[in-house]
Amino acid sequence: MGKYTIRPQEIYLLECYSSPAYFKEMHDAYAHMLEAAEYALELFMSELPSDYRNRPINI
């Protein structure tokens, strides 16, 4: 046990990034990002031109 040291910074980081509040914040951020991506896809799909599938793919 003598060769291991416990640093207060490590304890703080472990408590901060493993807390239920942190996971809730990350879950809410991910859900918001997913909603924004779905909205952007809906908007993109609603404004496609009628000949979209016949257009060449630019590489």
N, C-alpha and C. Protein backbone atom coordinates (compact mmCIF):
# COMPACT_ATOMS: atom_id res chain seq x y z
N MET A 1 0.82 -1.19 0.00
CA MET A 1 0.00 0.00 0.00
C MET A 1 0.86 1.25 0.00
N GLY A 2 2.11 1.13 0.37
CA GLY A 2 2.99 2.29 0.45
C GLY A 2 3.32 2.88 -0.92
N LYS A 3 3.28 2.09 -1.99
CA LYS A 3 3.65 2.63 -3.30
C LYS A 3 2.49 3.30 -4.03
N TYR A 4 1.30 3.20 -3.47
CA TYR A 4 0.14 3.84 -4.09
C TYR A 4 -0.17 5.15 -3.37
N THR A 5 -0.39 6.19 -4.16
CA THR A 5 -0.77 7.46 -3.56
C THR A 5 -2.14 7.85 -4.09
N ILE A 6 -2.93 8.42 -3.22
CA ILE A 6 -4.27 8.88 -3.60
C ILE A 6 -4.21 10.39 -3.71
N ARG A 7 -4.51 10.87 -4.89
CA ARG A 7 -4.48 12.31 -5.14
C ARG A 7 -5.90 12.87 -5.09
N PRO A 8 -6.08 14.01 -4.48
CA PRO A 8 -7.42 14.61 -4.41
C PRO A 8 -8.00 14.90 -5.80
N GLN A 9 -7.16 15.25 -6.77
CA GLN A 9 -7.64 15.53 -8.11
C GLN A 9 -8.27 14.29 -8.75
N GLU A 10 -7.68 13.14 -8.50
CA GLU A 10 -8.22 11.90 -9.06
C GLU A 10 -9.57 11.57 -8.43
N ILE A 11 -9.68 11.76 -7.14
CA ILE A 11 -10.95 11.51 -6.46
C ILE A 11 -12.01 12.45 -6.99
N TYR A 12 -11.65 13.72 -7.16
CA TYR A 12 -12.61 14.70 -7.69
C TYR A 12 -13.09 14.29 -9.08
N LEU A 13 -12.16 13.92 -9.95
CA LEU A 13 -12.54 13.54 -11.31
C LEU A 13 -13.40 12.28 -11.34
N LEU A 14 -13.06 11.31 -10.51
CA LEU A 14 -13.88 10.10 -10.45
C LEU A 14 -15.29 10.41 -9.96
N GLU A 15 -15.40 11.26 -8.95
CA GLU A 15 -16.72 11.62 -8.44
C GLU A 15 -17.49 12.46 -9.46
N CYS A 16 -16.79 13.32 -10.15
CA CYS A 16 -17.46 14.21 -11.12
C CYS A 16 -17.98 13.44 -12.33
N TYR A 17 -17.15 12.56 -12.90
CA TYR A 17 -17.51 11.90 -14.15
C TYR A 17 -18.16 10.53 -13.96
N SER A 18 -18.45 10.14 -12.74
CA SER A 18 -19.20 8.90 -12.53
C SER A 18 -20.47 9.16 -11.72
N SER A 19 -20.84 10.40 -11.59
CA SER A 19 -22.03 10.74 -10.81
C SER A 19 -23.30 10.59 -11.66
N PRO A 20 -24.42 10.32 -11.03
CA PRO A 20 -25.69 10.25 -11.77
C PRO A 20 -26.04 11.57 -12.47
N ALA A 21 -25.67 12.68 -11.87
CA ALA A 21 -25.95 13.99 -12.50
C ALA A 21 -25.19 14.13 -13.82
N TYR A 22 -23.94 13.66 -13.85
CA TYR A 22 -23.15 13.74 -15.08
C TYR A 22 -23.76 12.87 -16.17
N PHE A 23 -24.16 11.64 -15.81
CA PHE A 23 -24.75 10.76 -16.81
C PHE A 23 -26.08 11.29 -17.30
N LYS A 24 -26.87 11.93 -16.43
CA LYS A 24 -28.13 12.53 -16.86
C LYS A 24 -27.86 13.68 -17.84
N GLU A 25 -26.87 14.50 -17.52
CA GLU A 25 -26.51 15.61 -18.41
C GLU A 25 -26.06 15.08 -19.78
N MET A 26 -25.24 14.03 -19.79
CA MET A 26 -24.78 13.46 -21.05
C MET A 26 -25.94 12.82 -21.82
N HIS A 27 -26.85 12.15 -21.11
CA HIS A 27 -28.00 11.55 -21.76
C HIS A 27 -28.88 12.62 -22.38
N ASP A 28 -29.13 13.70 -21.66
CA ASP A 28 -29.95 14.79 -22.19
C ASP A 28 -29.29 15.45 -23.40
N ALA A 29 -27.98 15.63 -23.35
CA ALA A 29 -27.26 16.23 -24.48
C ALA A 29 -27.34 15.32 -25.71
N TYR A 30 -27.19 14.01 -25.50
CA TYR A 30 -27.26 13.06 -26.61
C TYR A 30 -28.67 13.04 -27.21
N ALA A 31 -29.69 13.08 -26.35
CA ALA A 31 -31.07 13.09 -26.83
C ALA A 31 -31.35 14.36 -27.63
N HIS A 32 -30.84 15.48 -27.18
CA HIS A 32 -31.02 16.74 -27.90
C HIS A 32 -30.31 16.70 -29.25
N MET A 33 -29.11 16.14 -29.28
CA MET A 33 -28.37 16.02 -30.54
C MET A 33 -29.11 15.12 -31.52
N LEU A 34 -29.69 14.04 -31.02
CA LEU A 34 -30.43 13.11 -31.87
C LEU A 34 -31.68 13.77 -32.43
N GLU A 35 -32.38 14.53 -31.62
CA GLU A 35 -33.56 15.26 -32.10
C GLU A 35 -33.18 16.26 -33.18
N ALA A 36 -32.07 16.97 -32.99
CA ALA A 36 -31.61 17.93 -33.99
C ALA A 36 -31.24 17.24 -35.30
N ALA A 37 -30.58 16.09 -35.21
CA ALA A 37 -30.20 15.35 -36.42
C ALA A 37 -31.43 14.83 -37.15
N GLU A 38 -32.41 14.33 -36.40
CA GLU A 38 -33.64 13.85 -37.04
C GLU A 38 -34.40 15.00 -37.70
N TYR A 39 -34.42 16.16 -37.06
CA TYR A 39 -35.09 17.32 -37.66
C TYR A 39 -34.36 17.75 -38.93
N ALA A 40 -33.04 17.76 -38.89
CA ALA A 40 -32.27 18.14 -40.08
C ALA A 40 -32.51 17.16 -41.22
N LEU A 41 -32.60 15.87 -40.93
CA LEU A 41 -32.88 14.88 -41.96
C LEU A 41 -34.28 15.08 -42.54
N GLU A 42 -35.25 15.34 -41.67
CA GLU A 42 -36.61 15.61 -42.16
C GLU A 42 -36.64 16.81 -43.08
N LEU A 43 -35.95 17.87 -42.67
CA LEU A 43 -35.90 19.08 -43.48
C LEU A 43 -35.23 18.81 -44.83
N PHE A 44 -34.14 18.07 -44.81
CA PHE A 44 -33.43 17.73 -46.04
C PHE A 44 -34.31 16.89 -46.96
N MET A 45 -34.98 15.89 -46.40
CA MET A 45 -35.81 15.01 -47.21
C MET A 45 -37.04 15.73 -47.77
N SER A 46 -37.54 16.72 -47.06
CA SER A 46 -38.73 17.42 -47.53
C SER A 46 -38.44 18.39 -48.67
N GLU A 47 -37.16 18.75 -48.86
CA GLU A 47 -36.80 19.72 -49.89
C GLU A 47 -36.00 19.12 -51.02
N LEU A 48 -36.06 17.81 -51.19
CA LEU A 48 -35.32 17.17 -52.28
C LEU A 48 -35.98 17.51 -53.62
N PRO A 49 -35.17 17.78 -54.64
CA PRO A 49 -35.75 17.99 -55.96
C PRO A 49 -36.28 16.67 -56.53
N SER A 50 -37.18 16.77 -57.46
CA SER A 50 -37.83 15.56 -58.01
C SER A 50 -36.85 14.66 -58.77
N ASP A 51 -35.79 15.22 -59.34
CA ASP A 51 -34.84 14.41 -60.10
C ASP A 51 -33.58 14.08 -59.28
N TYR A 52 -33.70 14.06 -58.00
CA TYR A 52 -32.54 13.85 -57.13
C TYR A 52 -31.84 12.52 -57.39
N ARG A 53 -32.60 11.45 -57.60
CA ARG A 53 -32.00 10.14 -57.82
C ARG A 53 -31.32 10.02 -59.17
N ASN A 54 -31.69 10.87 -60.13
CA ASN A 54 -31.07 10.81 -61.46
C ASN A 54 -29.83 11.66 -61.58
N ARG A 55 -29.53 12.44 -60.57
CA ARG A 55 -28.35 13.30 -60.61
C ARG A 55 -27.08 12.48 -60.40
N PRO A 56 -25.97 12.91 -61.00
CA PRO A 56 -24.71 12.16 -60.82
C PRO A 56 -24.17 12.36 -59.40
N ILE A 57 -23.45 11.35 -58.95
CA ILE A 57 -22.80 11.42 -57.64
C ILE A 57 -21.44 12.09 -57.84
N ASN A 58 -21.21 13.18 -57.14
CA ASN A 58 -19.92 13.86 -57.22
C ASN A 58 -18.93 13.19 -56.29
N ILE A 59 -17.80 12.82 -56.85
CA ILE A 59 -16.78 12.13 -56.04
C ILE A 59 -15.60 13.02 -55.85
